[in-house]
Amino acid sequence: MNFVLTEKKDAVAVLTINRPDALNALSSEVLEEISGAFEAL
């Protein structure tokens, strides 16, 4: 699933956790997505 949304404009990137059903709680899956997003940036 895609719990982390990435917006990039110029030299600024914003990562947004989009998991409203779980009140945006962090899980191992969400942490992996965050890590992947940082690596992609």
PDB file of N, CA and C in Angstrom:
ATOM      1  N   MET A   1       0.847  -1.190   0.000  1.00  0.00           N
ATOM      2  CA  MET A   1       0.000   0.000   0.000  1.00  0.00           C
ATOM      3  C   MET A   1       0.880   1.237   0.000  1.00  0.00           C
ATOM      4  N   ASN A   2       0.269   2.332  -0.286  1.00  0.00           N
ATOM      5  CA  ASN A   2       1.004   3.578  -0.358  1.00  0.00           C
ATOM      6  C   ASN A   2       0.564   4.491   0.780  1.00  0.00           C
ATOM      7  N   PHE A   3       1.302   4.436   1.897  1.00  0.00           N
ATOM      8  CA  PHE A   3       0.958   5.236   3.067  1.00  0.00           C
ATOM      9  C   PHE A   3       1.710   6.550   3.128  1.00  0.00           C
ATOM     10  N   VAL A   4       2.749   6.699   2.315  1.00  0.00           N
ATOM     11  CA  VAL A   4       3.567   7.905   2.353  1.00  0.00           C
ATOM     12  C   VAL A   4       3.445   8.626   1.017  1.00  0.00           C
ATOM     13  N   LEU A   5       2.989   9.862   1.077  1.00  0.00           N
ATOM     14  CA  LEU A   5       2.859  10.687  -0.115  1.00  0.00           C
ATOM     15  C   LEU A   5       4.068  11.617  -0.177  1.00  0.00           C
ATOM     16  N   THR A   6       4.618  11.792  -1.359  1.00  0.00           N
ATOM     17  CA  THR A   6       5.795  12.633  -1.529  1.00  0.00           C
ATOM     18  C   THR A   6       5.479  13.765  -2.493  1.00  0.00           C
ATOM     19  N   GLU A   7       5.747  14.994  -2.042  1.00  0.00           N
ATOM     20  CA  GLU A   7       5.618  16.162  -2.902  1.00  0.00           C
ATOM     21  C   GLU A   7       6.981  16.817  -2.970  1.00  0.00           C
ATOM     22  N   LYS A   8       7.409  17.157  -4.166  1.00  0.00           N
ATOM     23  CA  LYS A   8       8.731  17.749  -4.338  1.00  0.00           C
ATOM     24  C   LYS A   8       8.610  18.998  -5.191  1.00  0.00           C
ATOM     25  N   LYS A   9       9.157  20.095  -4.673  1.00  0.00           N
ATOM     26  CA  LYS A   9       9.161  21.351  -5.423  1.00  0.00           C
ATOM     27  C   LYS A   9      10.497  22.024  -5.183  1.00  0.00           C
ATOM     28  N   ASP A  10      11.232  22.203  -6.261  1.00  0.00           N
ATOM     29  CA  ASP A  10      12.573  22.775  -6.207  1.00  0.00           C
ATOM     30  C   ASP A  10      13.443  21.959  -5.253  1.00  0.00           C
ATOM     31  N   ALA A  11      13.971  22.573  -4.222  1.00  0.00           N
ATOM     32  CA  ALA A  11      14.880  21.884  -3.292  1.00  0.00           C
ATOM     33  C   ALA A  11      14.172  21.434  -2.019  1.00  0.00           C
ATOM     34  N   VAL A  12      12.849  21.429  -2.024  1.00  0.00           N
ATOM     35  CA  VAL A  12      12.083  21.063  -0.832  1.00  0.00           C
ATOM     36  C   VAL A  12      11.207  19.855  -1.133  1.00  0.00           C
ATOM     37  N   ALA A  13      11.239  18.884  -0.238  1.00  0.00           N
ATOM     38  CA  ALA A  13      10.368  17.715  -0.366  1.00  0.00           C
ATOM     39  C   ALA A  13       9.545  17.590   0.914  1.00  0.00           C
ATOM     40  N   VAL A  14       8.274  17.241   0.754  1.00  0.00           N
ATOM     41  CA  VAL A  14       7.380  17.045   1.892  1.00  0.00           C
ATOM     42  C   VAL A  14       6.860  15.618   1.834  1.00  0.00           C
ATOM     43  N   LEU A  15       7.086  14.871   2.908  1.00  0.00           N
ATOM     44  CA  LEU A  15       6.546  13.519   3.030  1.00  0.00           C
ATOM     45  C   LEU A  15       5.349  13.590   3.959  1.00  0.00           C
ATOM     46  N   THR A  16       4.238  13.016   3.528  1.00  0.00           N
ATOM     47  CA  THR A  16       3.018  13.026   4.324  1.00  0.00           C
ATOM     48  C   THR A  16       2.580  11.591   4.583  1.00  0.00           C
ATOM     49  N   ILE A  17       2.378  11.269   5.857  1.00  0.00           N
ATOM     50  CA  ILE A  17       1.864   9.944   6.207  1.00  0.00           C
ATOM     51  C   ILE A  17       0.353   9.987   6.006  1.00  0.00           C
ATOM     52  N   ASN A  18      -0.154   9.093   5.171  1.00  0.00           N
ATOM     53  CA  ASN A  18      -1.573   9.067   4.846  1.00  0.00           C
ATOM     54  C   ASN A  18      -2.161   7.727   5.283  1.00  0.00           C
ATOM     55  N   ARG A  19      -2.478   7.648   6.560  1.00  0.00           N
ATOM     56  CA  ARG A  19      -3.040   6.432   7.125  1.00  0.00           C
ATOM     57  C   ARG A  19      -4.119   6.814   8.154  1.00  0.00           C
ATOM     58  N   PRO A  20      -5.185   7.469   7.693  1.00  0.00           N
ATOM     59  CA  PRO A  20      -6.175   8.016   8.622  1.00  0.00           C
ATOM     60  C   PRO A  20      -6.903   6.959   9.447  1.00  0.00           C
ATOM     61  N   ASP A  21      -7.095   5.771   8.905  1.00  0.00           N
ATOM     62  CA  ASP A  21      -7.797   4.733   9.664  1.00  0.00           C
ATOM     63  C   ASP A  21      -7.035   4.335  10.922  1.00  0.00           C
ATOM     64  N   ALA A  22      -5.717   4.448  10.886  1.00  0.00           N
ATOM     65  CA  ALA A  22      -4.877   4.089  12.037  1.00  0.00           C
ATOM     66  C   ALA A  22      -4.343   5.346  12.727  1.00  0.00           C
ATOM     67  N   LEU A  23      -4.966   6.488  12.452  1.00  0.00           N
ATOM     68  CA  LEU A  23      -4.553   7.771  13.026  1.00  0.00           C
ATOM     69  C   LEU A  23      -3.082   8.078  12.735  1.00  0.00           C
ATOM     70  N   ASN A  24      -2.636   7.686  11.549  1.00  0.00           N
ATOM     71  CA  ASN A  24      -1.270   7.912  11.075  1.00  0.00           C
ATOM     72  C   ASN A  24      -0.211   7.268  11.963  1.00  0.00           C
ATOM     73  N   ALA A  25      -0.581   6.196  12.621  1.00  0.00           N
ATOM     74  CA  ALA A  25       0.374   5.473  13.461  1.00  0.00           C
ATOM     75  C   ALA A  25       1.474   4.874  12.600  1.00  0.00           C
ATOM     76  N   LEU A  26       2.677   4.825  13.174  1.00  0.00           N
ATOM     77  CA  LEU A  26       3.810   4.242  12.458  1.00  0.00           C
ATOM     78  C   LEU A  26       3.824   2.734  12.641  1.00  0.00           C
ATOM     79  N   SER A  27       4.020   2.040  11.564  1.00  0.00           N
ATOM     80  CA  SER A  27       4.177   0.591  11.590  1.00  0.00           C
ATOM     81  C   SER A  27       5.456   0.270  10.830  1.00  0.00           C
ATOM     82  N   SER A  28       5.848  -0.969  10.841  1.00  0.00           N
ATOM     83  CA  SER A  28       7.063  -1.336  10.108  1.00  0.00           C
ATOM     84  C   SER A  28       6.898  -1.058   8.619  1.00  0.00           C
ATOM     85  N   GLU A  29       5.700  -1.255   8.101  1.00  0.00           N
ATOM     86  CA  GLU A  29       5.440  -1.000   6.677  1.00  0.00           C
ATOM     87  C   GLU A  29       5.565   0.490   6.359  1.00  0.00           C
ATOM     88  N   VAL A  30       5.025   1.338   7.225  1.00  0.00           N
ATOM     89  CA  VAL A  30       5.113   2.788   7.012  1.00  0.00           C
ATOM     90  C   VAL A  30       6.568   3.240   7.109  1.00  0.00           C
ATOM     91  N   LEU A  31       7.300   2.722   8.085  1.00  0.00           N
ATOM     92  CA  LEU A  31       8.706   3.093   8.235  1.00  0.00           C
ATOM     93  C   LEU A  31       9.530   2.666   7.019  1.00  0.00           C
ATOM     94  N   GLU A  32       9.215   1.522   6.435  1.00  0.00           N
ATOM     95  CA  GLU A  32       9.894   1.081   5.220  1.00  0.00           C
ATOM     96  C   GLU A  32       9.594   2.026   4.058  1.00  0.00           C
ATOM     97  N   GLU A  33       8.338   2.474   3.970  1.00  0.00           N
ATOM     98  CA  GLU A  33       7.974   3.407   2.902  1.00  0.00           C
ATOM     99  C   GLU A  33       8.684   4.746   3.088  1.00  0.00           C
ATOM    100  N   ILE A  34       8.798   5.218   4.322  1.00  0.00           N
ATOM    101  CA  ILE A  34       9.504   6.469   4.594  1.00  0.00           C
ATOM    102  C   ILE A  34      10.970   6.325   4.197  1.00  0.00           C
ATOM    103  N   SER A  35      11.568   5.217   4.579  1.00  0.00           N
ATOM    104  CA  SER A  35      12.964   4.963   4.235  1.00  0.00           C
ATOM    105  C   SER A  35      13.149   4.930   2.720  1.00  0.00           C
ATOM    106  N   GLY A  36      12.253   4.255   2.028  1.00  0.00           N
ATOM    107  CA  GLY A  36      12.322   4.193   0.567  1.00  0.00           C
ATOM    108  C   GLY A  36      12.163   5.563  -0.073  1.00  0.00           C
ATOM    109  N   ALA A  37      11.278   6.376   0.497  1.00  0.00           N
ATOM    110  CA  ALA A  37      11.075   7.718  -0.042  1.00  0.00           C
ATOM    111  C   ALA A  37      12.333   8.569   0.117  1.00  0.00           C
ATOM    112  N   PHE A  38      12.988   8.457   1.283  1.00  0.00           N
ATOM    113  CA  PHE A  38      14.238   9.197   1.492  1.00  0.00           C
ATOM    114  C   PHE A  38      15.317   8.724   0.518  1.00  0.00           C
ATOM    115  N   GLU A  39      15.413   7.438   0.305  1.00  0.00           N
ATOM    116  CA  GLU A  39      16.405   6.916  -0.634  1.00  0.00           C
ATOM    117  C   GLU A  39      16.134   7.409  -2.054  1.00  0.00           C
ATOM    118  N   ALA A  40      14.848   7.484  -2.423  1.00  0.00           N
ATOM    119  CA  ALA A  40      14.492   7.952  -3.765  1.00  0.00           C
ATOM    120  C   ALA A  40      14.807   9.427  -3.952  1.00  0.00           C
ATOM    121  N   LEU A  41      14.747  10.187  -2.865  1.00  0.00           N
ATOM    122  CA  LEU A  41      15.032  11.620  -2.968  1.00  0.00           C
ATOM    123  C   LEU A  41      16.522  11.854  -3.057  1.00  0.00           C
TER     124      LEU A  41
END
